[in-house]
Amino acid sequence: MSDEIAADQLKMCEQYGLEWTPAPSRLKVGISRNVKSTLVPVNGLRLEPEGDTTGWYIWAGDGEPSPAADFFVPLHVEHLAEWRPEILKFLGLPPGWRFPTDGTHQDVWEDPTLLTS
């Protein structure tokens, strides 16, 4: 992760009074293929990291993600900049947090239900 991306993530966390929880570039996110398009908003939610994942699930469009088993595909964080670089700043948010952004406007909020099984 570049120093610039880390600084953007730290700034985002400071803005909301949160502890920075890095998403190392060698780990994976679950991402829907439509994120690679120009569809907005781009949404993300973070579960607890597990194994070689960051806990992030990212999709584009209004509403919640599809429950289809093949909706999310694995993608290393290091390749996310090729898909949608504007969302990298959100990846330092801790588990239990969500965001939508259209590239200009954004919202960030805690969703405690993400941390219950």
PDB file of N, CA and C in Angstrom:
ATOM      1  N   MET A   1       0.843  -1.168   0.000  1.00  0.00           N
ATOM      2  CA  MET A   1       0.000   0.000   0.000  1.00  0.00           C
ATOM      3  C   MET A   1       0.891   1.235   0.000  1.00  0.00           C
ATOM      4  N   SER A   2       0.538   2.186  -0.828  1.00  0.00           N
ATOM      5  CA  SER A   2       1.351   3.393  -0.910  1.00  0.00           C
ATOM      6  C   SER A   2       1.127   4.253   0.327  1.00  0.00           C
ATOM      7  N   ASP A   3       2.096   5.120   0.588  1.00  0.00           N
ATOM      8  CA  ASP A   3       1.980   6.040   1.720  1.00  0.00           C
ATOM      9  C   ASP A   3       0.779   6.965   1.537  1.00  0.00           C
ATOM     10  N   GLU A   4       0.499   7.344   0.294  1.00  0.00           N
ATOM     11  CA  GLU A   4      -0.628   8.238   0.014  1.00  0.00           C
ATOM     12  C   GLU A   4      -1.965   7.568   0.347  1.00  0.00           C
ATOM     13  N   ILE A   5      -2.112   6.301  -0.032  1.00  0.00           N
ATOM     14  CA  ILE A   5      -3.348   5.568   0.266  1.00  0.00           C
ATOM     15  C   ILE A   5      -3.499   5.392   1.774  1.00  0.00           C
ATOM     16  N   ALA A   6      -2.415   5.027   2.450  1.00  0.00           N
ATOM     17  CA  ALA A   6      -2.468   4.871   3.912  1.00  0.00           C
ATOM     18  C   ALA A   6      -2.848   6.194   4.573  1.00  0.00           C
ATOM     19  N   ALA A   7      -2.297   7.305   4.094  1.00  0.00           N
ATOM     20  CA  ALA A   7      -2.618   8.616   4.659  1.00  0.00           C
ATOM     21  C   ALA A   7      -4.097   8.951   4.441  1.00  0.00           C
ATOM     22  N   ASP A   8      -4.630   8.629   3.269  1.00  0.00           N
ATOM     23  CA  ASP A   8      -6.051   8.862   2.986  1.00  0.00           C
ATOM     24  C   ASP A   8      -6.929   8.019   3.913  1.00  0.00           C
ATOM     25  N   GLN A   9      -6.522   6.776   4.151  1.00  0.00           N
ATOM     26  CA  GLN A   9      -7.289   5.904   5.041  1.00  0.00           C
ATOM     27  C   GLN A   9      -7.246   6.412   6.481  1.00  0.00           C
ATOM     28  N   LEU A  10      -6.072   6.837   6.920  1.00  0.00           N
ATOM     29  CA  LEU A  10      -5.937   7.389   8.273  1.00  0.00           C
ATOM     30  C   LEU A  10      -6.806   8.634   8.435  1.00  0.00           C
ATOM     31  N   LYS A  11      -6.806   9.489   7.429  1.00  0.00           N
ATOM     32  CA  LYS A  11      -7.618  10.708   7.457  1.00  0.00           C
ATOM     33  C   LYS A  11      -9.101  10.364   7.560  1.00  0.00           C
ATOM     34  N   MET A  12      -9.539   9.377   6.798  1.00  0.00           N
ATOM     35  CA  MET A  12     -10.937   8.941   6.835  1.00  0.00           C
ATOM     36  C   MET A  12     -11.291   8.462   8.236  1.00  0.00           C
ATOM     37  N   CYS A  13     -10.438   7.638   8.827  1.00  0.00           N
ATOM     38  CA  CYS A  13     -10.708   7.115  10.167  1.00  0.00           C
ATOM     39  C   CYS A  13     -10.720   8.234  11.208  1.00  0.00           C
ATOM     40  N   GLU A  14      -9.786   9.160  11.109  1.00  0.00           N
ATOM     41  CA  GLU A  14      -9.739  10.282  12.042  1.00  0.00           C
ATOM     42  C   GLU A  14     -11.011  11.121  11.935  1.00  0.00           C
ATOM     43  N   GLN A  15     -11.514  11.304  10.719  1.00  0.00           N
ATOM     44  CA  GLN A  15     -12.724  12.093  10.492  1.00  0.00           C
ATOM     45  C   GLN A  15     -13.908  11.532  11.277  1.00  0.00           C
ATOM     46  N   TYR A  16     -13.951  10.204  11.427  1.00  0.00           N
ATOM     47  CA  TYR A  16     -15.057   9.555  12.127  1.00  0.00           C
ATOM     48  C   TYR A  16     -14.670   9.065  13.520  1.00  0.00           C
ATOM     49  N   GLY A  17     -13.465   9.407  13.977  1.00  0.00           N
ATOM     50  CA  GLY A  17     -13.019   9.012  15.311  1.00  0.00           C
ATOM     51  C   GLY A  17     -12.803   7.523  15.454  1.00  0.00           C
ATOM     52  N   LEU A  18     -12.322   6.881  14.399  1.00  0.00           N
ATOM     53  CA  LEU A  18     -12.162   5.426  14.379  1.00  0.00           C
ATOM     54  C   LEU A  18     -10.694   5.024  14.360  1.00  0.00           C
ATOM     55  N   GLU A  19     -10.447   3.824  14.846  1.00  0.00           N
ATOM     56  CA  GLU A  19      -9.096   3.262  14.775  1.00  0.00           C
ATOM     57  C   GLU A  19      -8.882   2.686  13.380  1.00  0.00           C
ATOM     58  N   TRP A  20      -7.748   3.028  12.786  1.00  0.00           N
ATOM     59  CA  TRP A  20      -7.403   2.531  11.452  1.00  0.00           C
ATOM     60  C   TRP A  20      -7.175   1.031  11.522  1.00  0.00           C
ATOM     61  N   THR A  21      -7.831   0.302  10.636  1.00  0.00           N
ATOM     62  CA  THR A  21      -7.684  -1.147  10.546  1.00  0.00           C
ATOM     63  C   THR A  21      -7.236  -1.456   9.116  1.00  0.00           C
ATOM     64  N   PRO A  22      -5.939  -1.588   8.892  1.00  0.00           N
ATOM     65  CA  PRO A  22      -5.427  -1.756   7.533  1.00  0.00           C
ATOM     66  C   PRO A  22      -6.014  -2.960   6.791  1.00  0.00           C
ATOM     67  N   ALA A  23      -6.045  -2.835   5.486  1.00  0.00           N
ATOM     68  CA  ALA A  23      -6.426  -3.923   4.580  1.00  0.00           C
ATOM     69  C   ALA A  23      -5.209  -4.167   3.690  1.00  0.00           C
ATOM     70  N   PRO A  24      -4.271  -4.994   4.138  1.00  0.00           N
ATOM     71  CA  PRO A  24      -3.023  -5.196   3.397  1.00  0.00           C
ATOM     72  C   PRO A  24      -3.255  -5.629   1.944  1.00  0.00           C
ATOM     73  N   SER A  25      -2.402  -5.154   1.069  1.00  0.00           N
ATOM     74  CA  SER A  25      -2.557  -5.397  -0.372  1.00  0.00           C
ATOM     75  C   SER A  25      -2.478  -6.872  -0.741  1.00  0.00           C
ATOM     76  N   ARG A  26      -1.871  -7.704   0.081  1.00  0.00           N
ATOM     77  CA  ARG A  26      -1.756  -9.130  -0.219  1.00  0.00           C
ATOM     78  C   ARG A  26      -3.037  -9.899   0.112  1.00  0.00           C
ATOM     79  N   LEU A  27      -3.935  -9.257   0.871  1.00  0.00           N
ATOM     80  CA  LEU A  27      -5.192  -9.902   1.237  1.00  0.00           C
ATOM     81  C   LEU A  27      -6.271  -9.616   0.189  1.00  0.00           C
ATOM     82  N   LYS A  28      -7.412 -10.283   0.339  1.00  0.00           N
ATOM     83  CA  LYS A  28      -8.473 -10.190  -0.667  1.00  0.00           C
ATOM     84  C   LYS A  28      -9.719  -9.499  -0.125  1.00  0.00           C
ATOM     85  N   VAL A  29     -10.469  -8.916  -1.057  1.00  0.00           N
ATOM     86  CA  VAL A  29     -11.818  -8.431  -0.802  1.00  0.00           C
ATOM     87  C   VAL A  29     -12.756  -9.329  -1.594  1.00  0.00           C
ATOM     88  N   GLY A  30     -14.017  -9.351  -1.205  1.00  0.00           N
ATOM     89  CA  GLY A  30     -15.057  -9.954  -2.026  1.00  0.00           C
ATOM     90  C   GLY A  30     -15.665  -8.810  -2.818  1.00  0.00           C
ATOM     91  N   ILE A  31     -15.723  -8.940  -4.126  1.00  0.00           N
ATOM     92  CA  ILE A  31     -16.168  -7.823  -4.950  1.00  0.00           C
ATOM     93  C   ILE A  31     -17.085  -8.315  -6.060  1.00  0.00           C
ATOM     94  N   SER A  32     -18.095  -7.530  -6.373  1.00  0.00           N
ATOM     95  CA  SER A  32     -18.974  -7.899  -7.482  1.00  0.00           C
ATOM     96  C   SER A  32     -18.360  -7.373  -8.772  1.00  0.00           C
ATOM     97  N   ARG A  33     -18.574  -8.104  -9.839  1.00  0.00           N
ATOM     98  CA  ARG A  33     -17.991  -7.730 -11.129  1.00  0.00           C
ATOM     99  C   ARG A  33     -18.483  -6.361 -11.609  1.00  0.00           C
ATOM    100  N   ASN A  34     -19.684  -5.938 -11.175  1.00  0.00           N
ATOM    101  CA  ASN A  34     -20.209  -4.663 -11.654  1.00  0.00           C
ATOM    102  C   ASN A  34     -19.460  -3.454 -11.085  1.00  0.00           C
ATOM    103  N   VAL A  35     -18.604  -3.659 -10.104  1.00  0.00           N
ATOM    104  CA  VAL A  35     -17.803  -2.552  -9.573  1.00  0.00           C
ATOM    105  C   VAL A  35     -16.845  -2.033 -10.641  1.00  0.00           C
ATOM    106  N   LYS A  36     -16.461  -2.894 -11.562  1.00  0.00           N
ATOM    107  CA  LYS A  36     -15.529  -2.508 -12.628  1.00  0.00           C
ATOM    108  C   LYS A  36     -16.193  -1.571 -13.644  1.00  0.00           C
ATOM    109  N   SER A  37     -17.530  -1.486 -13.627  1.00  0.00           N
ATOM    110  CA  SER A  37     -18.262  -0.605 -14.532  1.00  0.00           C
ATOM    111  C   SER A  37     -18.314   0.809 -13.939  1.00  0.00           C
ATOM    112  N   THR A  38     -19.093   1.672 -14.551  1.00  0.00           N
ATOM    113  CA  THR A  38     -19.253   3.032 -14.029  1.00  0.00           C
ATOM    114  C   THR A  38     -20.490   3.155 -13.138  1.00  0.00           C
ATOM    115  N   LEU A  39     -21.121   2.032 -12.812  1.00  0.00           N
ATOM    116  CA  LEU A  39     -22.318   2.028 -11.986  1.00  0.00           C
ATOM    117  C   LEU A  39     -22.024   2.615 -10.609  1.00  0.00           C
ATOM    118  N   VAL A  40     -22.920   3.482 -10.140  1.00  0.00           N
ATOM    119  CA  VAL A  40     -22.807   4.052  -8.802  1.00  0.00           C
ATOM    120  C   VAL A  40     -24.141   3.892  -8.093  1.00  0.00           C
ATOM    121  N   PRO A  41     -24.135   3.942  -6.807  1.00  0.00           N
ATOM    122  CA  PRO A  41     -22.981   4.096  -5.927  1.00  0.00           C
ATOM    123  C   PRO A  41     -22.198   2.800  -5.797  1.00  0.00           C
ATOM    124  N   VAL A  42     -20.986   2.948  -5.314  1.00  0.00           N
ATOM    125  CA  VAL A  42     -20.198   1.781  -4.925  1.00  0.00           C
ATOM    126  C   VAL A  42     -20.386   1.666  -3.417  1.00  0.00           C
ATOM    127  N   ASN A  43     -20.703   0.466  -2.976  1.00  0.00           N
ATOM    128  CA  ASN A  43     -20.992   0.190  -1.571  1.00  0.00           C
ATOM    129  C   ASN A  43     -19.972  -0.779  -1.002  1.00  0.00           C
ATOM    130  N   GLY A  44     -19.716  -0.647   0.273  1.00  0.00           N
ATOM    131  CA  GLY A  44     -18.834  -1.595   0.936  1.00  0.00           C
ATOM    132  C   GLY A  44     -19.280  -1.846   2.357  1.00  0.00           C
ATOM    133  N   LEU A  45     -19.043  -3.039   2.820  1.00  0.00           N
ATOM    134  CA  LEU A  45     -19.269  -3.381   4.220  1.00  0.00           C
ATOM    135  C   LEU A  45     -18.122  -4.264   4.660  1.00  0.00           C
ATOM    136  N   ARG A  46     -17.748  -4.108   5.931  1.00  0.00           N
ATOM    137  CA  ARG A  46     -16.608  -4.878   6.437  1.00  0.00           C
ATOM    138  C   ARG A  46     -17.017  -5.780   7.586  1.00  0.00           C
ATOM    139  N   LEU A  47     -16.798  -7.064   7.353  1.00  0.00           N
ATOM    140  CA  LEU A  47     -16.948  -8.076   8.402  1.00  0.00           C
ATOM    141  C   LEU A  47     -15.586  -8.251   9.071  1.00  0.00           C
ATOM    142  N   GLU A  48     -15.505  -9.129  10.032  1.00  0.00           N
ATOM    143  CA  GLU A  48     -14.203  -9.436  10.640  1.00  0.00           C
ATOM    144  C   GLU A  48     -13.312 -10.108   9.589  1.00  0.00           C
ATOM    145  N   PRO A  49     -12.037  -9.703   9.488  1.00  0.00           N
ATOM    146  CA  PRO A  49     -11.125 -10.395   8.581  1.00  0.00           C
ATOM    147  C   PRO A  49     -11.000 -11.865   8.969  1.00  0.00           C
ATOM    148  N   GLU A  50     -10.845 -12.706   7.969  1.00  0.00           N
ATOM    149  CA  GLU A  50     -10.740 -14.135   8.220  1.00  0.00           C
ATOM    150  C   GLU A  50      -9.815 -14.743   7.168  1.00  0.00           C
ATOM    151  N   GLY A  51      -8.857 -15.552   7.610  1.00  0.00           N
ATOM    152  CA  GLY A  51      -7.938 -16.198   6.670  1.00  0.00           C
ATOM    153  C   GLY A  51      -7.180 -15.170   5.846  1.00  0.00           C
ATOM    154  N   ASP A  52      -7.288 -15.276   4.521  1.00  0.00           N
ATOM    155  CA  ASP A  52      -6.555 -14.361   3.642  1.00  0.00           C
ATOM    156  C   ASP A  52      -7.453 -13.241   3.111  1.00  0.00           C
ATOM    157  N   THR A  53      -8.496 -12.900   3.890  1.00  0.00           N
ATOM    158  CA  THR A  53      -9.405 -11.839   3.468  1.00  0.00           C
ATOM    159  C   THR A  53      -9.347 -10.648   4.418  1.00  0.00           C
ATOM    160  N   THR A  54      -9.762  -9.494   3.911  1.00  0.00           N
ATOM    161  CA  THR A  54      -9.814  -8.265   4.699  1.00  0.00           C
ATOM    162  C   THR A  54     -11.130  -8.125   5.449  1.00  0.00           C
ATOM    163  N   GLY A  55     -12.137  -8.901   5.047  1.00  0.00           N
ATOM    164  CA  GLY A  55     -13.477  -8.756   5.592  1.00  0.00           C
ATOM    165  C   GLY A  55     -14.351  -7.833   4.747  1.00  0.00           C
ATOM    166  N   TRP A  56     -13.769  -7.181   3.737  1.00  0.00           N
ATOM    167  CA  TRP A  56     -14.521  -6.245   2.900  1.00  0.00           C
ATOM    168  C   TRP A  56     -15.304  -6.970   1.814  1.00  0.00           C
ATOM    169  N   TYR A  57     -16.557  -6.512   1.610  1.00  0.00           N
ATOM    170  CA  TYR A  57     -17.410  -6.928   0.498  1.00  0.00           C
ATOM    171  C   TYR A  57     -17.867  -5.656  -0.188  1.00  0.00           C
ATOM    172  N   ILE A  58     -17.644  -5.589  -1.484  1.00  0.00           N
ATOM    173  CA  ILE A  58     -17.856  -4.353  -2.240  1.00  0.00           C
ATOM    174  C   ILE A  58     -18.711  -4.654  -3.464  1.00  0.00           C
ATOM    175  N   TRP A  59     -19.722  -3.804  -3.713  1.00  0.00           N
ATOM    176  CA  TRP A  59     -20.597  -3.975  -4.873  1.00  0.00           C
ATOM    177  C   TRP A  59     -21.058  -2.611  -5.362  1.00  0.00           C
ATOM    178  N   ALA A  60     -21.585  -2.566  -6.554  1.00  0.00           N
ATOM    179  CA  ALA A  60     -22.092  -1.320  -7.136  1.00  0.00           C
ATOM    180  C   ALA A  60     -23.598  -1.404  -7.329  1.00  0.00           C
ATOM    181  N   GLY A  61     -24.245  -0.242  -7.259  1.00  0.00           N
ATOM    182  CA  GLY A  61     -25.685  -0.159  -7.474  1.00  0.00           C
ATOM    183  C   GLY A  61     -26.435   0.100  -6.188  1.00  0.00           C
ATOM    184  N   ASP A  62     -27.692   0.451  -6.325  1.00  0.00           N
ATOM    185  CA  ASP A  62     -28.541   0.714  -5.167  1.00  0.00           C
ATOM    186  C   ASP A  62     -28.906  -0.583  -4.469  1.00  0.00           C
ATOM    187  N   GLY A  63     -29.107  -0.496  -3.177  1.00  0.00           N
ATOM    188  CA  GLY A  63     -29.581  -1.647  -2.424  1.00  0.00           C
ATOM    189  C   GLY A  63     -28.470  -2.534  -1.900  1.00  0.00           C
ATOM    190  N   GLU A  64     -28.920  -3.655  -1.398  1.00  0.00           N
ATOM    191  CA  GLU A  64     -28.020  -4.636  -0.799  1.00  0.00           C
ATOM    192  C   GLU A  64     -27.465  -5.567  -1.874  1.00  0.00           C
ATOM    193  N   PRO A  65     -26.371  -6.276  -1.560  1.00  0.00           N
ATOM    194  CA  PRO A  65     -25.801  -7.199  -2.541  1.00  0.00           C
ATOM    195  C   PRO A  65     -26.707  -8.398  -2.789  1.00  0.00           C
ATOM    196  N   SER A  66     -26.519  -9.007  -3.926  1.00  0.00           N
ATOM    197  CA  SER A  66     -27.271 -10.206  -4.280  1.00  0.00           C
ATOM    198  C   SER A  66     -26.859 -11.361  -3.361  1.00  0.00           C
ATOM    199  N   PRO A  67     -27.801 -12.222  -2.990  1.00  0.00           N
ATOM    200  CA  PRO A  67     -27.448 -13.401  -2.192  1.00  0.00           C
ATOM    201  C   PRO A  67     -26.868 -14.544  -3.034  1.00  0.00           C
ATOM    202  N   ALA A  68     -26.788 -14.368  -4.356  1.00  0.00           N
ATOM    203  CA  ALA A  68     -26.266 -15.423  -5.233  1.00  0.00           C
ATOM    204  C   ALA A  68     -24.844 -15.803  -4.822  1.00  0.00           C
ATOM    205  N   ALA A  69     -24.566 -17.083  -4.819  1.00  0.00           N
ATOM    206  CA  ALA A  69     -23.262 -17.599  -4.386  1.00  0.00           C
ATOM    207  C   ALA A  69     -22.106 -17.057  -5.223  1.00  0.00           C
ATOM    208  N   ASP A  70     -22.361 -16.712  -6.482  1.00  0.00           N
ATOM    209  CA  ASP A  70     -21.280 -16.233  -7.349  1.00  0.00           C
ATOM    210  C   ASP A  70     -21.288 -14.714  -7.523  1.00  0.00           C
ATOM    211  N   PHE A  71     -22.044 -13.983  -6.694  1.00  0.00           N
ATOM    212  CA  PHE A  71     -22.121 -12.525  -6.822  1.00  0.00           C
ATOM    213  C   PHE A  71     -20.779 -11.876  -6.535  1.00  0.00           C
ATOM    214  N   PHE A  72     -20.094 -12.333  -5.482  1.00  0.00           N
ATOM    215  CA  PHE A  72     -18.789 -11.795  -5.123  1.00  0.00           C
ATOM    216  C   PHE A  72     -17.685 -12.705  -5.641  1.00  0.00           C
ATOM    217  N   VAL A  73     -16.635 -12.097  -6.159  1.00  0.00           N
ATOM    218  CA  VAL A  73     -15.444 -12.826  -6.565  1.00  0.00           C
ATOM    219  C   VAL A  73     -14.280 -12.293  -5.731  1.00  0.00           C
ATOM    220  N   PRO A  74     -13.255 -13.118  -5.490  1.00  0.00           N
ATOM    221  CA  PRO A  74     -12.108 -12.635  -4.718  1.00  0.00           C
ATOM    222  C   PRO A  74     -11.199 -11.757  -5.573  1.00  0.00           C
ATOM    223  N   LEU A  75     -10.685 -10.707  -4.954  1.00  0.00           N
ATOM    224  CA  LEU A  75      -9.750  -9.804  -5.631  1.00  0.00           C
ATOM    225  C   LEU A  75      -8.757  -9.304  -4.594  1.00  0.00           C
ATOM    226  N   HIS A  76      -7.462  -9.405  -4.901  1.00  0.00           N
ATOM    227  CA  HIS A  76      -6.452  -8.866  -3.992  1.00  0.00           C
ATOM    228  C   HIS A  76      -6.593  -7.344  -3.933  1.00  0.00           C
ATOM    229  N   VAL A  77      -6.412  -6.796  -2.749  1.00  0.00           N
ATOM    230  CA  VAL A  77      -6.503  -5.348  -2.545  1.00  0.00           C
ATOM    231  C   VAL A  77      -5.593  -4.614  -3.523  1.00  0.00           C
ATOM    232  N   GLU A  78      -4.427  -5.175  -3.816  1.00  0.00           N
ATOM    233  CA  GLU A  78      -3.485  -4.494  -4.707  1.00  0.00           C
ATOM    234  C   GLU A  78      -4.052  -4.269  -6.107  1.00  0.00           C
ATOM    235  N   HIS A  79      -5.067  -5.019  -6.505  1.00  0.00           N
ATOM    236  CA  HIS A  79      -5.666  -4.849  -7.836  1.00  0.00           C
ATOM    237  C   HIS A  79      -6.907  -3.962  -7.816  1.00  0.00           C
ATOM    238  N   LEU A  80      -7.349  -3.570  -6.641  1.00  0.00           N
ATOM    239  CA  LEU A  80      -8.560  -2.758  -6.525  1.00  0.00           C
ATOM    240  C   LEU A  80      -8.398  -1.391  -7.195  1.00  0.00           C
ATOM    241  N   ALA A  81      -7.201  -0.861  -7.200  1.00  0.00           N
ATOM    242  CA  ALA A  81      -6.952   0.440  -7.842  1.00  0.00           C
ATOM    243  C   ALA A  81      -7.240   0.394  -9.341  1.00  0.00           C
ATOM    244  N   GLU A  82      -7.123  -0.786  -9.951  1.00  0.00           N
ATOM    245  CA  GLU A  82      -7.425  -0.927 -11.374  1.00  0.00           C
ATOM    246  C   GLU A  82      -8.938  -0.911 -11.616  1.00  0.00           C
ATOM    247  N   TRP A  83      -9.715  -1.265 -10.602  1.00  0.00           N
ATOM    248  CA  TRP A  83     -11.173  -1.332 -10.726  1.00  0.00           C
ATOM    249  C   TRP A  83     -11.808   0.003 -10.364  1.00  0.00           C
ATOM    250  N   ARG A  84     -11.572   0.492  -9.137  1.00  0.00           N
ATOM    251  CA  ARG A  84     -12.192   1.727  -8.647  1.00  0.00           C
ATOM    252  C   ARG A  84     -11.269   2.364  -7.604  1.00  0.00           C
ATOM    253  N   PRO A  85     -10.271   3.118  -8.020  1.00  0.00           N
ATOM    254  CA  PRO A  85      -9.307   3.682  -7.072  1.00  0.00           C
ATOM    255  C   PRO A  85      -9.925   4.608  -6.022  1.00  0.00           C
ATOM    256  N   GLU A  86     -11.075   5.197  -6.322  1.00  0.00           N
ATOM    257  CA  GLU A  86     -11.682   6.143  -5.387  1.00  0.00           C
ATOM    258  C   GLU A  86     -12.197   5.489  -4.102  1.00  0.00           C
ATOM    259  N   ILE A  87     -12.256   4.167  -4.074  1.00  0.00           N
ATOM    260  CA  ILE A  87     -12.755   3.527  -2.850  1.00  0.00           C
ATOM    261  C   ILE A  87     -11.635   3.056  -1.913  1.00  0.00           C
ATOM    262  N   LEU A  88     -10.405   3.171  -2.341  1.00  0.00           N
ATOM    263  CA  LEU A  88      -9.288   2.713  -1.508  1.00  0.00           C
ATOM    264  C   LEU A  88      -9.245   3.424  -0.159  1.00  0.00           C
ATOM    265  N   LYS A  89      -9.665   4.689  -0.128  1.00  0.00           N
ATOM    266  CA  LYS A  89      -9.607   5.450   1.123  1.00  0.00           C
ATOM    267  C   LYS A  89     -10.522   4.881   2.212  1.00  0.00           C
ATOM    268  N   PHE A  90     -11.526   4.092   1.836  1.00  0.00           N
ATOM    269  CA  PHE A  90     -12.449   3.518   2.807  1.00  0.00           C
ATOM    270  C   PHE A  90     -11.922   2.238   3.456  1.00  0.00           C
ATOM    271  N   LEU A  91     -10.924   1.611   2.868  1.00  0.00           N
ATOM    272  CA  LEU A  91     -10.519   0.277   3.290  1.00  0.00           C
ATOM    273  C   LEU A  91      -9.848   0.205   4.658  1.00  0.00           C
ATOM    274  N   GLY A  92      -9.560   1.330   5.284  1.00  0.00           N
ATOM    275  CA  GLY A  92      -9.006   1.337   6.638  1.00  0.00           C
ATOM    276  C   GLY A  92     -10.069   1.378   7.719  1.00  0.00           C
ATOM    277  N   LEU A  93     -11.343   1.504   7.314  1.00  0.00           N
ATOM    278  CA  LEU A  93     -12.424   1.494   8.299  1.00  0.00           C
ATOM    279  C   LEU A  93     -12.471   0.132   8.990  1.00  0.00           C
ATOM    280  N   PRO A  94     -12.817   0.108  10.258  1.00  0.00           N
ATOM    281  CA  PRO A  94     -12.813  -1.165  10.988  1.00  0.00           C
ATOM    282  C   PRO A  94     -14.006  -2.057  10.653  1.00  0.00           C
ATOM    283  N   PRO A  95     -13.921  -3.326  11.038  1.00  0.00           N
ATOM    284  CA  PRO A  95     -15.068  -4.230  10.875  1.00  0.00           C
ATOM    285  C   PRO A  95     -16.302  -3.637  11.553  1.00  0.00           C
ATOM    286  N   GLY A  96     -17.457  -3.856  10.907  1.00  0.00           N
ATOM    287  CA  GLY A  96     -18.705  -3.335  11.430  1.00  0.00           C
ATOM    288  C   GLY A  96     -19.094  -1.988  10.831  1.00  0.00           C
ATOM    289  N   TRP A  97     -18.351  -1.539   9.824  1.00  0.00           N
ATOM    290  CA  TRP A  97     -18.623  -0.249   9.190  1.00  0.00           C
ATOM    291  C   TRP A  97     -18.953  -0.438   7.719  1.00  0.00           C
ATOM    292  N   ARG A  98     -19.712   0.522   7.188  1.00  0.00           N
ATOM    293  CA  ARG A  98     -20.184   0.482   5.797  1.00  0.00           C
ATOM    294  C   ARG A  98     -19.961   1.832   5.133  1.00  0.00           C
ATOM    295  N   PHE A  99     -19.996   1.810   3.816  1.00  0.00           N
ATOM    296  CA  PHE A  99     -19.975   3.062   3.056  1.00  0.00           C
ATOM    297  C   PHE A  99     -20.699   2.898   1.729  1.00  0.00           C
ATOM    298  N   PRO A 100     -21.310   3.971   1.218  1.00  0.00           N
ATOM    299  CA  PRO A 100     -21.650   4.111  -0.191  1.00  0.00           C
ATOM    300  C   PRO A 100     -20.966   5.392  -0.691  1.00  0.00           C
ATOM    301  N   THR A 101     -20.553   5.399  -1.936  1.00  0.00           N
ATOM    302  CA  THR A 101     -19.994   6.607  -2.535  1.00  0.00           C
ATOM    303  C   THR A 101     -20.279   6.601  -4.029  1.00  0.00           C
ATOM    304  N   ASP A 102     -20.485   7.790  -4.560  1.00  0.00           N
ATOM    305  CA  ASP A 102     -20.615   7.924  -6.014  1.00  0.00           C
ATOM    306  C   ASP A 102     -19.367   8.577  -6.594  1.00  0.00           C
ATOM    307  N   GLY A 103     -18.326   8.690  -5.774  1.00  0.00           N
ATOM    308  CA  GLY A 103     -17.081   9.304  -6.200  1.00  0.00           C
ATOM    309  C   GLY A 103     -16.986  10.756  -5.763  1.00  0.00           C
ATOM    310  N   THR A 104     -18.128  11.379  -5.521  1.00  0.00           N
ATOM    311  CA  THR A 104     -18.178  12.766  -5.054  1.00  0.00           C
ATOM    312  C   THR A 104     -18.754  12.830  -3.649  1.00  0.00           C
ATOM    313  N   HIS A 105     -19.891  12.201  -3.456  1.00  0.00           N
ATOM    314  CA  HIS A 105     -20.549  12.158  -2.154  1.00  0.00           C
ATOM    315  C   HIS A 105     -20.306  10.800  -1.506  1.00  0.00           C
ATOM    316  N   GLN A 106     -20.265  10.818  -0.182  1.00  0.00           N
ATOM    317  CA  GLN A 106     -20.029   9.578   0.547  1.00  0.00           C
ATOM    318  C   GLN A 106     -20.765   9.609   1.869  1.00  0.00           C
ATOM    319  N   ASP A 107     -20.967   8.452   2.415  1.00  0.00           N
ATOM    320  CA  ASP A 107     -21.531   8.298   3.742  1.00  0.00           C
ATOM    321  C   ASP A 107     -20.771   7.150   4.395  1.00  0.00           C
ATOM    322  N   VAL A 108     -20.587   7.229   5.675  1.00  0.00           N
ATOM    323  CA  VAL A 108     -19.906   6.180   6.432  1.00  0.00           C
ATOM    324  C   VAL A 108     -20.695   5.981   7.711  1.00  0.00           C
ATOM    325  N   TRP A 109     -21.015   4.735   8.028  1.00  0.00           N
ATOM    326  CA  TRP A 109     -21.736   4.498   9.270  1.00  0.00           C
ATOM    327  C   TRP A 109     -21.434   3.118   9.820  1.00  0.00           C
ATOM    328  N   GLU A 110     -21.673   3.019  11.145  1.00  0.00           N
ATOM    329  CA  GLU A 110     -21.489   1.748  11.831  1.00  0.00           C
ATOM    330  C   GLU A 110     -22.748   0.918  11.700  1.00  0.00           C
ATOM    331  N   ASP A 111     -22.545  -0.369  11.423  1.00  0.00           N
ATOM    332  CA  ASP A 111     -23.659  -1.320  11.329  1.00  0.00           C
ATOM    333  C   ASP A 111     -23.310  -2.510  12.220  1.00  0.00           C
ATOM    334  N   PRO A 112     -23.692  -2.460  13.504  1.00  0.00           N
ATOM    335  CA  PRO A 112     -23.329  -3.532  14.444  1.00  0.00           C
ATOM    336  C   PRO A 112     -23.817  -4.919  14.023  1.00  0.00           C
ATOM    337  N   THR A 113     -24.842  -4.971  13.182  1.00  0.00           N
ATOM    338  CA  THR A 113     -25.357  -6.286  12.760  1.00  0.00           C
ATOM    339  C   THR A 113     -24.322  -7.039  11.938  1.00  0.00           C
ATOM    340  N   LEU A 114     -23.340  -6.338  11.396  1.00  0.00           N
ATOM    341  CA  LEU A 114     -22.300  -7.013  10.609  1.00  0.00           C
ATOM    342  C   LEU A 114     -21.404  -7.891  11.472  1.00  0.00           C
ATOM    343  N   LEU A 115     -21.406  -7.644  12.759  1.00  0.00           N
ATOM    344  CA  LEU A 115     -20.494  -8.365  13.652  1.00  0.00           C
ATOM    345  C   LEU A 115     -21.200  -9.419  14.492  1.00  0.00           C
ATOM    346  N   THR A 116     -22.473  -9.657  14.200  1.00  0.00           N
ATOM    347  CA  THR A 116     -23.202 -10.714  14.900  1.00  0.00           C
ATOM    348  C   THR A 116     -23.389 -11.890  13.955  1.00  0.00           C
ATOM    349  N   SER A 117     -23.366 -13.090  14.509  1.00  0.00           N
ATOM    350  CA  SER A 117     -23.519 -14.244  13.620  1.00  0.00           C
ATOM    351  C   SER A 117     -24.924 -14.770  13.630  1.00  0.00           C
TER     352      SER A 117
END
